[in-house]
C-alpha atoms as a PDB file:
ATOM      1  CA  MET A   1       0.116   0.311   0.280  1.00  0.00           C
ATOM      2  CA  PRO A   2       1.074   3.528  -0.760  1.00  0.00           C
ATOM      3  CA  PRO A   3       2.661   5.321   2.511  1.00  0.00           C
ATOM      4  CA  SER A   4      -0.306   7.733   2.150  1.00  0.00           C
ATOM      5  CA  ILE A   5      -3.099   5.623   3.287  1.00  0.00           C
ATOM      6  CA  PRO A   6      -1.821   4.288   6.467  1.00  0.00           C
ATOM      7  CA  ALA A   7      -5.076   4.051   8.618  1.00  0.00           C
ATOM      8  CA  ALA A   8      -6.837   0.834   9.408  1.00  0.00           C
ATOM      9  CA  GLY A   9      -3.318  -0.820   9.650  1.00  0.00           C
ATOM     10  CA  ASN A  10      -2.663  -1.225   6.332  1.00  0.00           C
ATOM     11  CA  GLN A  11       0.723  -1.068   6.417  1.00  0.00           C
ATOM     12  CA  LEU A  12       1.042  -4.247   8.042  1.00  0.00           C
ATOM     13  CA  ALA A  13       1.728  -7.088   6.779  1.00  0.00           C
ATOM     14  CA  MET A  14       0.565 -10.499   9.241  1.00  0.00           C
ATOM     15  CA  SER A  15       0.823 -13.997   8.905  1.00  0.00           C
ATOM     16  CA  ALA A  16      -2.449 -15.839   9.686  1.00  0.00           C
ATOM     17  CA  ARG A  17      -0.606 -16.937  13.114  1.00  0.00           C
ATOM     18  CA  GLY A  18       0.087 -13.314  13.458  1.00  0.00           C
ATOM     19  CA  LEU A  19      -3.420 -12.135  13.493  1.00  0.00           C
ATOM     20  CA  LEU A  20      -4.637 -14.957  15.820  1.00  0.00           C
ATOM     21  CA  ALA A  21      -2.667 -13.322  18.136  1.00  0.00           C
ATOM     22  CA  PHE A  22      -4.386 -10.334  17.592  1.00  0.00           C
ATOM     23  CA  ALA A  23      -7.525 -12.087  17.915  1.00  0.00           C
ATOM     24  CA  ARG A  24      -6.713 -13.829  21.167  1.00  0.00           C
ATOM     25  CA  VAL A  25      -6.115 -10.441  23.000  1.00  0.00           C
ATOM     26  CA  HIS A  26      -9.675  -9.289  21.548  1.00  0.00           C
ATOM     27  CA  LEU A  27     -11.242 -12.769  22.994  1.00  0.00           C
ATOM     28  CA  GLN A  28      -9.657 -12.068  26.361  1.00  0.00           C
ATOM     29  CA  ASP A  29     -11.058  -8.211  26.196  1.00  0.00           C
ATOM     30  CA  GLY A  30      -7.861  -6.535  25.850  1.00  0.00           C
ATOM     31  CA  ARG A  31      -5.269  -8.813  27.833  1.00  0.00           C
ATOM     32  CA  SER A  32      -1.820 -10.199  26.529  1.00  0.00           C
ATOM     33  CA  PRO A  33      -1.616 -14.022  26.458  1.00  0.00           C
ATOM     34  CA  GLY A  34       0.895 -12.896  29.771  1.00  0.00           C
ATOM     35  CA  GLY A  35      -1.947 -11.070  31.385  1.00  0.00           C
ATOM     36  CA  GLY A  36      -0.678  -7.656  30.558  1.00  0.00           C
ATOM     37  CA  THR A  37      -3.557  -5.025  29.497  1.00  0.00           C
ATOM     38  CA  VAL A  38      -3.131  -4.075  26.073  1.00  0.00           C
ATOM     39  CA  LEU A  39      -6.571  -2.353  26.000  1.00  0.00           C
ATOM     40  CA  ALA A  40      -8.929  -1.106  28.566  1.00  0.00           C
ATOM     41  CA  GLU A  41     -11.423  -4.058  28.975  1.00  0.00           C
ATOM     42  CA  ALA A  42     -14.648  -1.517  28.413  1.00  0.00           C
ATOM     43  CA  THR A  43     -12.671  -0.269  25.391  1.00  0.00           C
ATOM     44  CA  ALA A  44     -12.563  -3.826  23.891  1.00  0.00           C
ATOM     45  CA  GLN A  45     -15.901  -4.668  24.704  1.00  0.00           C
ATOM     46  CA  SER A  46     -17.425  -1.067  23.206  1.00  0.00           C
ATOM     47  CA  MET A  47     -15.557  -2.020  20.092  1.00  0.00           C
ATOM     48  CA  ARG A  48     -17.687  -5.206  19.572  1.00  0.00           C
ATOM     49  CA  ARG A  49     -20.817  -3.231  20.403  1.00  0.00           C
ATOM     50  CA  ARG A  50     -22.980  -2.122  17.870  1.00  0.00           C
ATOM     51  CA  GLN A  51     -22.584   1.293  16.876  1.00  0.00           C
ATOM     52  CA  VAL A  52     -23.996   2.118  13.404  1.00  0.00           C
ATOM     53  CA  ASP A  53     -26.329   0.188  11.087  1.00  0.00           C
ATOM     54  CA  HIS A  54     -24.731  -0.333   7.718  1.00  0.00           C
ATOM     55  CA  PRO A  55     -26.705   1.077   5.145  1.00  0.00           C
ATOM     56  CA  ALA A  56     -29.660  -0.851   3.245  1.00  0.00           C
ATOM     57  CA  VAL A  57     -27.469  -2.977   0.381  1.00  0.00           C
ATOM     58  CA  LEU A  58     -25.459  -4.375   2.883  1.00  0.00           C
ATOM     59  CA  GLY A  59     -28.536  -6.092   4.358  1.00  0.00           C
ATOM     60  CA  PRO A  60     -30.614  -5.580   7.741  1.00  0.00           C
ATOM     61  CA  HIS A  61     -28.461  -7.479  10.088  1.00  0.00           C
ATOM     62  CA  SER A  62     -25.178  -5.835   9.090  1.00  0.00           C
ATOM     63  CA  HIS A  63     -23.866  -3.628  11.517  1.00  0.00           C
ATOM     64  CA  HIS A  64     -20.455  -1.517  12.870  1.00  0.00           C
ATOM     65  CA  GLY A  65     -18.853  -1.189  16.201  1.00  0.00           C
ATOM     66  CA  LEU A  66     -15.749   0.598  16.622  1.00  0.00           C
ATOM     67  CA  GLY A  67     -13.208  -0.645  13.832  1.00  0.00           C
ATOM     68  CA  TRP A  68     -15.025  -4.795  13.925  1.00  0.00           C
ATOM     69  CA  TRP A  69     -17.537  -5.613  11.851  1.00  0.00           C
ATOM     70  CA  LEU A  70     -20.779  -7.131  13.463  1.00  0.00           C
ATOM     71  CA  GLU A  71     -22.505 -10.106  11.613  1.00  0.00           C
ATOM     72  CA  ARG A  72     -25.757 -12.178  11.912  1.00  0.00           C
ATOM     73  CA  GLY A  73     -25.921 -11.691  15.608  1.00  0.00           C
ATOM     74  CA  GLU A  74     -22.740 -12.723  17.615  1.00  0.00           C
ATOM     75  CA  LEU A  75     -19.986 -12.907  14.839  1.00  0.00           C
ATOM     76  CA  VAL A  76     -17.336 -10.018  15.116  1.00  0.00           C
ATOM     77  CA  GLU A  77     -14.897  -9.681  12.010  1.00  0.00           C
ATOM     78  CA  HIS A  78     -12.647  -7.720  10.086  1.00  0.00           C
ATOM     79  CA  ALA A  79     -12.451  -8.412   6.281  1.00  0.00           C
ATOM     80  CA  GLY A  80      -9.028  -6.951   4.000  1.00  0.00           C
ATOM     81  CA  GLY A  81      -9.094  -6.703   0.019  1.00  0.00           C
ATOM     82  CA  SER A  82      -6.734  -5.137  -2.190  1.00  0.00           C
ATOM     83  CA  THR A  83      -4.775  -5.643  -5.681  1.00  0.00           C
ATOM     84  CA  GLY A  84      -4.621  -9.624  -5.557  1.00  0.00           C
ATOM     85  CA  VAL A  85      -5.751 -10.174  -2.387  1.00  0.00           C
ATOM     86  CA  THR A  86      -9.084 -11.273  -0.041  1.00  0.00           C
ATOM     87  CA  ALA A  87      -8.594 -12.281   3.691  1.00  0.00           C
ATOM     88  CA  LEU A  88     -10.708 -12.036   6.699  1.00  0.00           C
ATOM     89  CA  LEU A  89     -10.329 -12.566  10.289  1.00  0.00           C
ATOM     90  CA  ARG A  90     -13.690 -13.591  12.562  1.00  0.00           C
ATOM     91  CA  LEU A  91     -14.618 -14.314  16.105  1.00  0.00           C
ATOM     92  CA  ALA A  92     -17.168 -15.917  18.193  1.00  0.00           C
ATOM     93  CA  PRO A  93     -16.619 -14.255  21.456  1.00  0.00           C
ATOM     94  CA  ARG A  94     -18.964 -15.994  23.656  1.00  0.00           C
ATOM     95  CA  HIS A  95     -17.213 -19.414  22.189  1.00  0.00           C
ATOM     96  CA  ASP A  96     -13.754 -18.202  22.466  1.00  0.00           C
ATOM     97  CA  LEU A  97     -13.310 -18.944  18.758  1.00  0.00           C
ATOM     98  CA  ALA A  98     -11.324 -17.232  16.014  1.00  0.00           C
ATOM     99  CA  ALA A  99     -10.244 -17.931  12.579  1.00  0.00           C
ATOM    100  CA  VAL A 100      -8.480 -16.293   9.575  1.00  0.00           C
ATOM    101  CA  VAL A 101      -8.121 -17.389   6.120  1.00  0.00           C
ATOM    102  CA  LEU A 102      -5.658 -15.452   3.577  1.00  0.00           C
ATOM    103  CA  THR A 103      -6.025 -15.926   0.069  1.00  0.00           C
ATOM    104  CA  ASN A 104      -4.025 -14.579  -2.699  1.00  0.00           C
ATOM    105  CA  SER A 105      -7.191 -13.794  -5.190  1.00  0.00           C
ATOM    106  CA  GLU A 106      -9.385 -11.099  -5.454  1.00  0.00           C
ATOM    107  CA  SER A 107     -12.368 -13.257  -5.994  1.00  0.00           C
ATOM    108  CA  GLY A 108     -11.152 -15.448  -2.389  1.00  0.00           C
ATOM    109  CA  GLY A 109     -14.019 -14.788  -1.028  1.00  0.00           C
ATOM    110  CA  ASN A 110     -15.638 -18.186  -2.178  1.00  0.00           C
ATOM    111  CA  LEU A 111     -12.713 -20.067  -0.820  1.00  0.00           C
ATOM    112  CA  ILE A 112     -13.567 -18.064   2.747  1.00  0.00           C
ATOM    113  CA  ASP A 113     -17.084 -18.702   3.194  1.00  0.00           C
ATOM    114  CA  GLU A 114     -16.432 -22.447   2.198  1.00  0.00           C
ATOM    115  CA  LEU A 115     -13.579 -23.020   5.026  1.00  0.00           C
ATOM    116  CA  LEU A 116     -15.209 -20.719   7.616  1.00  0.00           C
ATOM    117  CA  GLU A 117     -18.880 -21.477   7.248  1.00  0.00           C
ATOM    118  CA  PRO A 118     -18.567 -25.071   9.012  1.00  0.00           C
ATOM    119  CA  LEU A 119     -16.729 -23.325  11.718  1.00  0.00           C
ATOM    120  CA  PHE A 120     -19.322 -20.917  12.839  1.00  0.00           C
ATOM    121  CA  ALA A 121     -22.751 -21.755  11.286  1.00  0.00           C
ATOM    122  CA  ASP A 122     -23.735 -24.265  13.889  1.00  0.00           C
ATOM    123  CA  LEU A 123     -22.775 -22.034  17.215  1.00  0.00           C
ATOM    124  CA  PRO A 124     -25.449 -20.650  19.368  1.00  0.00           C
ATOM    125  CA  GLY A 125     -26.179 -17.138  18.758  1.00  0.00           C
ATOM    126  CA  VAL A 126     -24.953 -17.034  15.573  1.00  0.00           C
ATOM    127  CA  ALA A 127     -28.031 -16.867  12.930  1.00  0.00           C
ATOM    128  CA  PRO A 128     -27.679 -18.634   9.195  1.00  0.00           C
ATOM    129  CA  PRO A 129     -26.703 -16.465   6.265  1.00  0.00           C
ATOM    130  CA  THR A 130     -29.772 -14.541   4.634  1.00  0.00           C
ATOM    131  CA  PRO A 131     -29.522 -14.769   1.344  1.00  0.00           C
ATOM    132  CA  GLN A 132     -29.702 -11.462  -0.292  1.00  0.00           C
ATOM    133  CA  PRO A 133     -32.839 -11.329  -2.380  1.00  0.00           C
ATOM    134  CA  ALA A 134     -32.277 -10.537  -6.475  1.00  0.00           C
ATOM    135  CA  MET A 135     -32.574  -6.960  -6.867  1.00  0.00           C
ATOM    136  CA  VAL A 136     -34.539  -6.415  -9.775  1.00  0.00           C
ATOM    137  CA  PRO A 137     -34.704  -2.737 -11.213  1.00  0.00           C
ATOM    138  CA  THR A 138     -38.181  -1.156 -10.999  1.00  0.00           C
ATOM    139  CA  PRO A 139     -40.137   1.231 -12.693  1.00  0.00           C
ATOM    140  CA  THR A 140     -39.784   4.451 -10.489  1.00  0.00           C
ATOM    141  CA  HIS A 141     -40.739   8.213  -9.849  1.00  0.00           C
ATOM    142  CA  ILE A 142     -38.141   9.430  -8.261  1.00  0.00           C
ATOM    143  CA  ASP A 143     -36.244  13.089  -8.778  1.00  0.00           C
ATOM    144  CA  ILE A 144     -33.180  11.831 -10.180  1.00  0.00           C
ATOM    145  CA  ARG A 145     -31.779  15.722  -9.673  1.00  0.00           C
ATOM    146  CA  GLU A 146     -30.943  14.688  -6.253  1.00  0.00           C
ATOM    147  CA  TYR A 147     -28.508  12.015  -7.150  1.00  0.00           C
ATOM    148  CA  ILE A 148     -26.629  13.979  -9.562  1.00  0.00           C
ATOM    149  CA  GLY A 149     -23.049  15.303  -9.288  1.00  0.00           C
ATOM    150  CA  THR A 150     -19.823  14.731  -8.112  1.00  0.00           C
ATOM    151  CA  TYR A 151     -18.372  12.195  -5.500  1.00  0.00           C
ATOM    152  CA  ALA A 152     -14.911  11.822  -4.931  1.00  0.00           C
ATOM    153  CA  SER A 153     -12.126  10.417  -2.788  1.00  0.00           C
ATOM    154  CA  ARG A 154      -8.567   9.822  -2.603  1.00  0.00           C
ATOM    155  CA  GLN A 155      -9.178   6.562  -4.606  1.00  0.00           C
ATOM    156  CA  VAL A 156     -11.751   7.214  -7.134  1.00  0.00           C
ATOM    157  CA  ARG A 157     -14.172  10.281  -8.799  1.00  0.00           C
ATOM    158  CA  ALA A 158     -17.236   9.251  -9.379  1.00  0.00           C
ATOM    159  CA  THR A 159     -19.630  11.256 -11.730  1.00  0.00           C
ATOM    160  CA  VAL A 160     -23.327  10.628 -11.482  1.00  0.00           C
ATOM    161  CA  SER A 161     -25.040  12.229 -14.966  1.00  0.00           C
ATOM    162  CA  ARG A 162     -28.153  11.959 -16.978  1.00  0.00           C
ATOM    163  CA  GLY A 163     -27.613  10.326 -20.205  1.00  0.00           C
ATOM    164  CA  ASP A 164     -28.408  11.431 -23.982  1.00  0.00           C
ATOM    165  CA  ASP A 165     -31.332   9.055 -23.273  1.00  0.00           C
ATOM    166  CA  GLY A 166     -32.488  10.129 -19.901  1.00  0.00           C
ATOM    167  CA  ARG A 167     -31.284   7.816 -17.703  1.00  0.00           C
ATOM    168  CA  LEU A 168     -29.072   7.883 -15.140  1.00  0.00           C
ATOM    169  CA  ARG A 169     -25.300   7.333 -15.443  1.00  0.00           C
ATOM    170  CA  LEU A 170     -22.295   6.686 -13.045  1.00  0.00           C
ATOM    171  CA  ASP A 171     -19.013   7.059 -14.491  1.00  0.00           C
ATOM    172  CA  ARG A 172     -15.724   6.020 -11.860  1.00  0.00           C
ATOM    173  CA  ILE A 173     -12.127   7.104 -12.390  1.00  0.00           C
ATOM    174  CA  ALA A 174      -9.244   5.862 -10.415  1.00  0.00           C
ATOM    175  CA  LEU A 175      -7.183   8.389  -8.465  1.00  0.00           C
ATOM    176  CA  GLY A 176      -4.381   9.022  -6.350  1.00  0.00           C
ATOM    177  CA  ASP A 177      -4.237   5.622  -3.949  1.00  0.00           C
ATOM    178  CA  SER A 178      -5.974   3.550  -6.563  1.00  0.00           C
ATOM    179  CA  LEU A 179      -3.205   4.589  -9.416  1.00  0.00           C
ATOM    180  CA  ALA A 180      -0.528   4.115  -6.934  1.00  0.00           C
ATOM    181  CA  MET A 181      -1.488   0.531  -5.804  1.00  0.00           C
ATOM    182  CA  ALA A 182      -2.069  -0.021  -9.493  1.00  0.00           C
ATOM    183  CA  ALA A 183       1.382   0.751 -10.692  1.00  0.00           C
ATOM    184  CA  LEU A 184       2.830  -1.366  -7.758  1.00  0.00           C
ATOM    185  CA  ALA A 185       0.995  -3.767  -8.745  1.00  0.00           C
ATOM    186  CA  GLY A 186       1.936  -3.530 -12.660  1.00  0.00           C
ATOM    187  CA  ILE A 187      -1.554  -3.753 -13.544  1.00  0.00           C
ATOM    188  CA  THR A 188      -3.354  -0.654 -15.530  1.00  0.00           C
ATOM    189  CA  VAL A 189      -6.673   0.507 -13.664  1.00  0.00           C
ATOM    190  CA  SER A 190      -9.478   1.125 -16.450  1.00  0.00           C
ATOM    191  CA  ASP A 191     -12.390   3.512 -15.749  1.00  0.00           C
ATOM    192  CA  ARG A 192     -16.139   2.703 -15.132  1.00  0.00           C
ATOM    193  CA  HIS A 193     -19.328   3.368 -17.004  1.00  0.00           C
ATOM    194  CA  HIS A 194     -22.530   2.505 -15.522  1.00  0.00           C
ATOM    195  CA  GLU A 195     -26.034   2.409 -16.263  1.00  0.00           C
ATOM    196  CA  LEU A 196     -27.948   3.164 -12.880  1.00  0.00           C
ATOM    197  CA  ARG A 197     -31.538   1.216 -12.402  1.00  0.00           C
ATOM    198  CA  GLY A 198     -33.463   2.243  -9.406  1.00  0.00           C
ATOM    199  CA  VAL A 199     -34.604  -0.958  -7.083  1.00  0.00           C
ATOM    200  CA  ALA A 200     -35.842   0.950  -3.926  1.00  0.00           C
ATOM    201  CA  ASP A 201     -35.515   4.103  -2.610  1.00  0.00           C
ATOM    202  CA  ASP A 202     -31.765   5.439  -3.357  1.00  0.00           C
ATOM    203  CA  VAL A 203     -31.087   2.035  -3.749  1.00  0.00           C
ATOM    204  CA  PHE A 204     -29.634   1.159  -7.466  1.00  0.00           C
ATOM    205  CA  LEU A 205     -28.275  -1.595  -9.547  1.00  0.00           C
ATOM    206  CA  ALA A 206     -24.933  -0.272 -11.355  1.00  0.00           C
ATOM    207  CA  THR A 207     -24.856  -2.253 -14.586  1.00  0.00           C
ATOM    208  CA  GLY A 208     -22.603  -3.017 -16.986  1.00  0.00           C
ATOM    209  CA  ASP A 209     -19.352  -4.019 -14.909  1.00  0.00           C
ATOM    210  CA  PRO A 210     -17.061  -6.834 -16.043  1.00  0.00           C
ATOM    211  CA  THR A 211     -17.695  -8.425 -12.155  1.00  0.00           C
ATOM    212  CA  GLY A 212     -21.858  -8.260 -12.442  1.00  0.00           C
ATOM    213  CA  ASP A 213     -24.313  -5.434 -11.329  1.00  0.00           C
ATOM    214  CA  GLN A 214     -23.100  -4.181  -8.159  1.00  0.00           C
ATOM    215  CA  LYS A 215     -25.611  -2.133  -5.705  1.00  0.00           C
ATOM    216  CA  VAL A 216     -25.267   1.153  -4.944  1.00  0.00           C
ATOM    217  CA  GLU A 217     -26.766   3.112  -2.398  1.00  0.00           C
ATOM    218  CA  PHE A 218     -27.338   7.511  -1.956  1.00  0.00           C
ATOM    219  CA  LEU A 219     -26.895   8.568   1.539  1.00  0.00           C
ATOM    220  CA  GLY A 220     -28.074  11.415   3.626  1.00  0.00           C
ATOM    221  CA  ARG A 221     -29.180  14.673   2.073  1.00  0.00           C
ATOM    222  CA  ASP A 222     -27.183  18.180   2.316  1.00  0.00           C
ATOM    223  CA  ASP A 223     -29.082  21.375   3.244  1.00  0.00           C
ATOM    224  CA  ARG A 224     -30.118  21.639  -0.865  1.00  0.00           C
ATOM    225  CA  GLY A 225     -31.777  18.306  -0.831  1.00  0.00           C
ATOM    226  CA  LEU A 226     -29.079  16.311  -2.268  1.00  0.00           C
ATOM    227  CA  ALA A 227     -27.207  13.040  -1.410  1.00  0.00           C
ATOM    228  CA  ARG A 228     -24.231  13.492   0.453  1.00  0.00           C
ATOM    229  CA  PHE A 229     -22.783  10.294  -0.483  1.00  0.00           C
ATOM    230  CA  LEU A 230     -22.300   7.591  -2.742  1.00  0.00           C
ATOM    231  CA  PHE A 231     -22.020   3.998  -1.101  1.00  0.00           C
ATOM    232  CA  ALA A 232     -20.376   1.503  -3.691  1.00  0.00           C
ATOM    233  CA  GLY A 233     -18.050  -0.890  -3.004  1.00  0.00           C
ATOM    234  CA  GLY A 234     -18.504  -0.973   0.533  1.00  0.00           C
ATOM    235  CA  ARG A 235     -17.085   2.563   0.894  1.00  0.00           C
ATOM    236  CA  ALA A 236     -19.445   5.763   1.180  1.00  0.00           C
ATOM    237  CA  ILE A 237     -17.780   8.328  -1.329  1.00  0.00           C
ATOM    238  CA  PRO A 238     -18.802  12.355  -0.524  1.00  0.00           C
ATOM    239  CA  ARG A 239     -20.388  14.712  -2.439  1.00  0.00           C
ATOM    240  CA  THR A 240     -17.695  17.155  -3.827  1.00  0.00           C
ATOM    241  CA  ASP A 241     -20.118  19.980  -5.823  1.00  0.00           C
END
């Protein structure tokens, strides 16, 4: 990762065994294996406490603590993904159980599910995975003007506009950190162009991506009544215009 994005510990390179040692500290509410205090017990517990609900496109049982992703009742996890890698660290604190899978593939999520699901699915307090219903575009009578605009972060600039055919379009261009990561990996990042098809209030399918249709959601409103964020790919991208 470029040094310009050190947040979330992405400068660390850890083995599976190292991640399990990190998980053990959290399973022991902030205590090290030797009994020393790394985090205050109340702090470690508050990190695993529901702080905010995720956007609707992630499902009704998906929440965030402080740093931790909270899923299916009692699962506490944090995923990682970048060019050429996918990883997941998952904890079930009440059962003193942690597991990690590291893969060298951007599509490693399927392998992660195959390996981890048998370990966690039958634990008391862990809800079964909820299949996401198919999101079928439906005719809507929305005012698309509240979505039109530019949204940008250090990784991407996303422009939402009305096409010549009157339909909503999303054009995404890689910026700064994304280009730096691609250069380090020796790959080329292509711009992405989509049509946005309405599914529900503020929720759309972005069609035309080689990896398949993607769910996106517009979040919040500013004092002009315009959407404040575009949520796509697990990231909330702020409006800049």
